[in-house]
């Protein structure tokens, strides 16, 4: 193996390990937090960042070919779809939660002064 292949292997392996570390932190956050929005935030950040690191590591190891282009398109799709779906689920939780006062408070906009109360 040439030196360039070793460097590519080590960088790709490092990115895969960063993705694995992000997934481990995500799992700890999901099981440790008590409120559903905190759990969802940990899961969404972990998914986006962890999958990004892991697939980027696979792209580096694979080299420049058609497979790496497809993996890059998967990263782009996940970076757009995961935050949008998390935001929609969070809005559903906030609008349907009957015990919202226990976890957060809502602010209403004063119509005359345009300031929050």
C-alpha atoms as a PDB file:
ATOM      1  CA  UNK A   1       0.000   0.000   0.000  1.00  0.00           C
ATOM      2  CA  UNK A   2       1.214   3.457  -0.780  1.00  0.00           C
ATOM      3  CA  UNK A   3       1.404   6.270   1.736  1.00  0.00           C
ATOM      4  CA  UNK A   4      -1.622   8.012   0.199  1.00  0.00           C
ATOM      5  CA  UNK A   5      -3.782   4.928   0.682  1.00  0.00           C
ATOM      6  CA  UNK A   6      -2.720   4.678   4.333  1.00  0.00           C
ATOM      7  CA  UNK A   7      -3.527   8.341   4.922  1.00  0.00           C
ATOM      8  CA  UNK A   8      -6.912   7.910   3.238  1.00  0.00           C
ATOM      9  CA  UNK A   9      -7.599   4.807   5.352  1.00  0.00           C
ATOM     10  CA  UNK A  10      -6.619   6.551   8.602  1.00  0.00           C
ATOM     11  CA  UNK A  11      -8.658   9.692   7.865  1.00  0.00           C
ATOM     12  CA  UNK A  12     -11.673   7.584   6.862  1.00  0.00           C
ATOM     13  CA  UNK A  13     -11.311   5.434   9.968  1.00  0.00           C
ATOM     14  CA  UNK A  14     -11.054   8.545  12.138  1.00  0.00           C
ATOM     15  CA  UNK A  15     -14.251   9.932  10.639  1.00  0.00           C
ATOM     16  CA  UNK A  16     -16.003   6.610  11.199  1.00  0.00           C
ATOM     17  CA  UNK A  17     -14.881   6.658  14.846  1.00  0.00           C
ATOM     18  CA  UNK A  18     -16.149  10.241  15.219  1.00  0.00           C
ATOM     19  CA  UNK A  19     -19.504   9.090  13.857  1.00  0.00           C
ATOM     20  CA  UNK A  20     -19.537   6.176  16.303  1.00  0.00           C
ATOM     21  CA  UNK A  21     -18.723   8.526  19.184  1.00  0.00           C
ATOM     22  CA  UNK A  22     -21.536  10.837  18.144  1.00  0.00           C
ATOM     23  CA  UNK A  23     -23.973   7.916  18.085  1.00  0.00           C
ATOM     24  CA  UNK A  24     -22.877   6.857  21.587  1.00  0.00           C
ATOM     25  CA  UNK A  25     -23.423  10.397  22.912  1.00  0.00           C
ATOM     26  CA  UNK A  26     -26.814  10.445  21.177  1.00  0.00           C
ATOM     27  CA  UNK A  27     -27.872   7.205  22.851  1.00  0.00           C
ATOM     28  CA  UNK A  28     -26.815   8.505  26.254  1.00  0.00           C
ATOM     29  CA  UNK A  29     -28.782  11.717  25.668  1.00  0.00           C
ATOM     30  CA  UNK A  30     -31.892   9.879  24.529  1.00  0.00           C
ATOM     31  CA  UNK A  31     -31.939   7.670  27.612  1.00  0.00           C
ATOM     32  CA  UNK A  32     -30.866  10.336  30.094  1.00  0.00           C
ATOM     33  CA  UNK A  33     -33.185  13.229  29.232  1.00  0.00           C
ATOM     34  CA  UNK A  34     -36.698  13.113  30.650  1.00  0.00           C
ATOM     35  CA  UNK A  35     -38.703  15.460  28.460  1.00  0.00           C
ATOM     36  CA  UNK A  36     -39.627  14.343  24.951  1.00  0.00           C
ATOM     37  CA  UNK A  37     -38.349  17.493  23.197  1.00  0.00           C
ATOM     38  CA  UNK A  38     -34.937  17.152  24.848  1.00  0.00           C
ATOM     39  CA  UNK A  39     -34.771  13.524  23.793  1.00  0.00           C
ATOM     40  CA  UNK A  40     -35.783  14.399  20.271  1.00  0.00           C
ATOM     41  CA  UNK A  41     -33.147  17.139  20.075  1.00  0.00           C
ATOM     42  CA  UNK A  42     -30.426  14.703  21.140  1.00  0.00           C
ATOM     43  CA  UNK A  43     -31.632  12.156  18.598  1.00  0.00           C
ATOM     44  CA  UNK A  44     -31.867  14.663  15.736  1.00  0.00           C
ATOM     45  CA  UNK A  45     -28.437  16.184  16.325  1.00  0.00           C
ATOM     46  CA  UNK A  46     -26.887  12.754  16.751  1.00  0.00           C
ATOM     47  CA  UNK A  47     -28.476  11.406  13.609  1.00  0.00           C
ATOM     48  CA  UNK A  48     -27.484  14.340  11.461  1.00  0.00           C
ATOM     49  CA  UNK A  49     -23.930  14.651  12.731  1.00  0.00           C
ATOM     50  CA  UNK A  50     -23.259  10.941  13.301  1.00  0.00           C
ATOM     51  CA  UNK A  51     -24.512   9.823   9.911  1.00  0.00           C
ATOM     52  CA  UNK A  52     -22.655  12.703   8.287  1.00  0.00           C
ATOM     53  CA  UNK A  53     -19.355  11.667   9.894  1.00  0.00           C
ATOM     54  CA  UNK A  54     -19.869   7.977   9.134  1.00  0.00           C
ATOM     55  CA  UNK A  55     -20.804   8.479   5.499  1.00  0.00           C
ATOM     56  CA  UNK A  56     -18.025  11.033   5.016  1.00  0.00           C
ATOM     57  CA  UNK A  57     -15.586   8.432   6.350  1.00  0.00           C
ATOM     58  CA  UNK A  58     -16.924   5.902   3.861  1.00  0.00           C
ATOM     59  CA  UNK A  59     -16.549   8.458   1.061  1.00  0.00           C
ATOM     60  CA  UNK A  60     -12.901   9.046   1.989  1.00  0.00           C
ATOM     61  CA  UNK A  61     -12.169   5.324   2.174  1.00  0.00           C
ATOM     62  CA  UNK A  62     -14.012   4.609  -1.094  1.00  0.00           C
ATOM     63  CA  UNK A  63     -12.238   7.325  -3.059  1.00  0.00           C
ATOM     64  CA  UNK A  64     -13.663   9.403  -5.869  1.00  0.00           C
ATOM     65  CA  UNK A  65     -16.123   7.221  -7.754  1.00  0.00           C
ATOM     66  CA  UNK A  66     -19.848   6.883  -8.392  1.00  0.00           C
ATOM     67  CA  UNK A  67     -20.433   5.263  -4.993  1.00  0.00           C
ATOM     68  CA  UNK A  68     -18.990   8.264  -3.187  1.00  0.00           C
ATOM     69  CA  UNK A  69     -21.306  10.546  -5.186  1.00  0.00           C
ATOM     70  CA  UNK A  70     -24.317   8.490  -4.076  1.00  0.00           C
ATOM     71  CA  UNK A  71     -23.141   8.579  -0.455  1.00  0.00           C
ATOM     72  CA  UNK A  72     -22.741  12.351  -0.695  1.00  0.00           C
ATOM     73  CA  UNK A  73     -26.301  12.668  -2.011  1.00  0.00           C
ATOM     74  CA  UNK A  74     -27.524  10.599   0.947  1.00  0.00           C
ATOM     75  CA  UNK A  75     -25.740  13.035   3.300  1.00  0.00           C
ATOM     76  CA  UNK A  76     -27.392  16.001   1.568  1.00  0.00           C
ATOM     77  CA  UNK A  77     -30.828  14.373   1.772  1.00  0.00           C
ATOM     78  CA  UNK A  78     -30.413  13.572   5.470  1.00  0.00           C
ATOM     79  CA  UNK A  79     -29.154  17.073   6.276  1.00  0.00           C
ATOM     80  CA  UNK A  80     -32.340  18.520   4.771  1.00  0.00           C
ATOM     81  CA  UNK A  81     -34.906  15.965   5.906  1.00  0.00           C
ATOM     82  CA  UNK A  82     -33.874  15.274   9.516  1.00  0.00           C
ATOM     83  CA  UNK A  83     -34.165  18.860  10.852  1.00  0.00           C
ATOM     84  CA  UNK A  84     -37.463  19.415   9.034  1.00  0.00           C
ATOM     85  CA  UNK A  85     -39.035  16.238  10.391  1.00  0.00           C
ATOM     86  CA  UNK A  86     -37.744  16.982  13.907  1.00  0.00           C
ATOM     87  CA  UNK A  87     -39.183  20.478  13.755  1.00  0.00           C
ATOM     88  CA  UNK A  88     -42.589  19.196  12.667  1.00  0.00           C
ATOM     89  CA  UNK A  89     -42.674  16.583  15.417  1.00  0.00           C
ATOM     90  CA  UNK A  90     -41.668  19.223  17.988  1.00  0.00           C
ATOM     91  CA  UNK A  91     -44.446  21.553  16.846  1.00  0.00           C
ATOM     92  CA  UNK A  92     -46.935  18.701  17.143  1.00  0.00           C
ATOM     93  CA  UNK A  93     -45.737  17.976  20.687  1.00  0.00           C
ATOM     94  CA  UNK A  94     -46.009  21.621  21.731  1.00  0.00           C
ATOM     95  CA  UNK A  95     -49.470  22.067  20.242  1.00  0.00           C
ATOM     96  CA  UNK A  96     -50.941  18.848  21.689  1.00  0.00           C
ATOM     97  CA  UNK A  97     -49.246  18.712  25.098  1.00  0.00           C
ATOM     98  CA  UNK A  98     -51.756  19.178  27.906  1.00  0.00           C
ATOM     99  CA  UNK A  99     -49.129  19.657  30.619  1.00  0.00           C
ATOM    100  CA  UNK A 100     -47.046  22.297  28.866  1.00  0.00           C
ATOM    101  CA  UNK A 101     -46.592  24.428  31.986  1.00  0.00           C
ATOM    102  CA  UNK A 102     -44.394  21.829  33.622  1.00  0.00           C
ATOM    103  CA  UNK A 103     -41.671  21.966  30.969  1.00  0.00           C
ATOM    104  CA  UNK A 104     -41.765  25.428  29.406  1.00  0.00           C
ATOM    105  CA  UNK A 105     -43.760  28.654  29.392  1.00  0.00           C
ATOM    106  CA  UNK A 106     -45.340  30.342  26.441  1.00  0.00           C
ATOM    107  CA  UNK A 107     -44.940  34.013  25.652  1.00  0.00           C
ATOM    108  CA  UNK A 108     -47.655  36.058  24.042  1.00  0.00           C
ATOM    109  CA  UNK A 109     -47.084  39.105  21.904  1.00  0.00           C
ATOM    110  CA  UNK A 110     -48.695  42.281  23.195  1.00  0.00           C
ATOM    111  CA  UNK A 111     -50.542  43.814  20.255  1.00  0.00           C
ATOM    112  CA  UNK A 112     -50.126  47.459  21.335  1.00  0.00           C
ATOM    113  CA  UNK A 113     -46.422  47.548  22.101  1.00  0.00           C
ATOM    114  CA  UNK A 114     -45.283  44.589  19.978  1.00  0.00           C
ATOM    115  CA  UNK A 115     -43.299  43.302  22.959  1.00  0.00           C
ATOM    116  CA  UNK A 116     -43.394  39.976  24.680  1.00  0.00           C
ATOM    117  CA  UNK A 117     -45.196  39.806  28.017  1.00  0.00           C
END
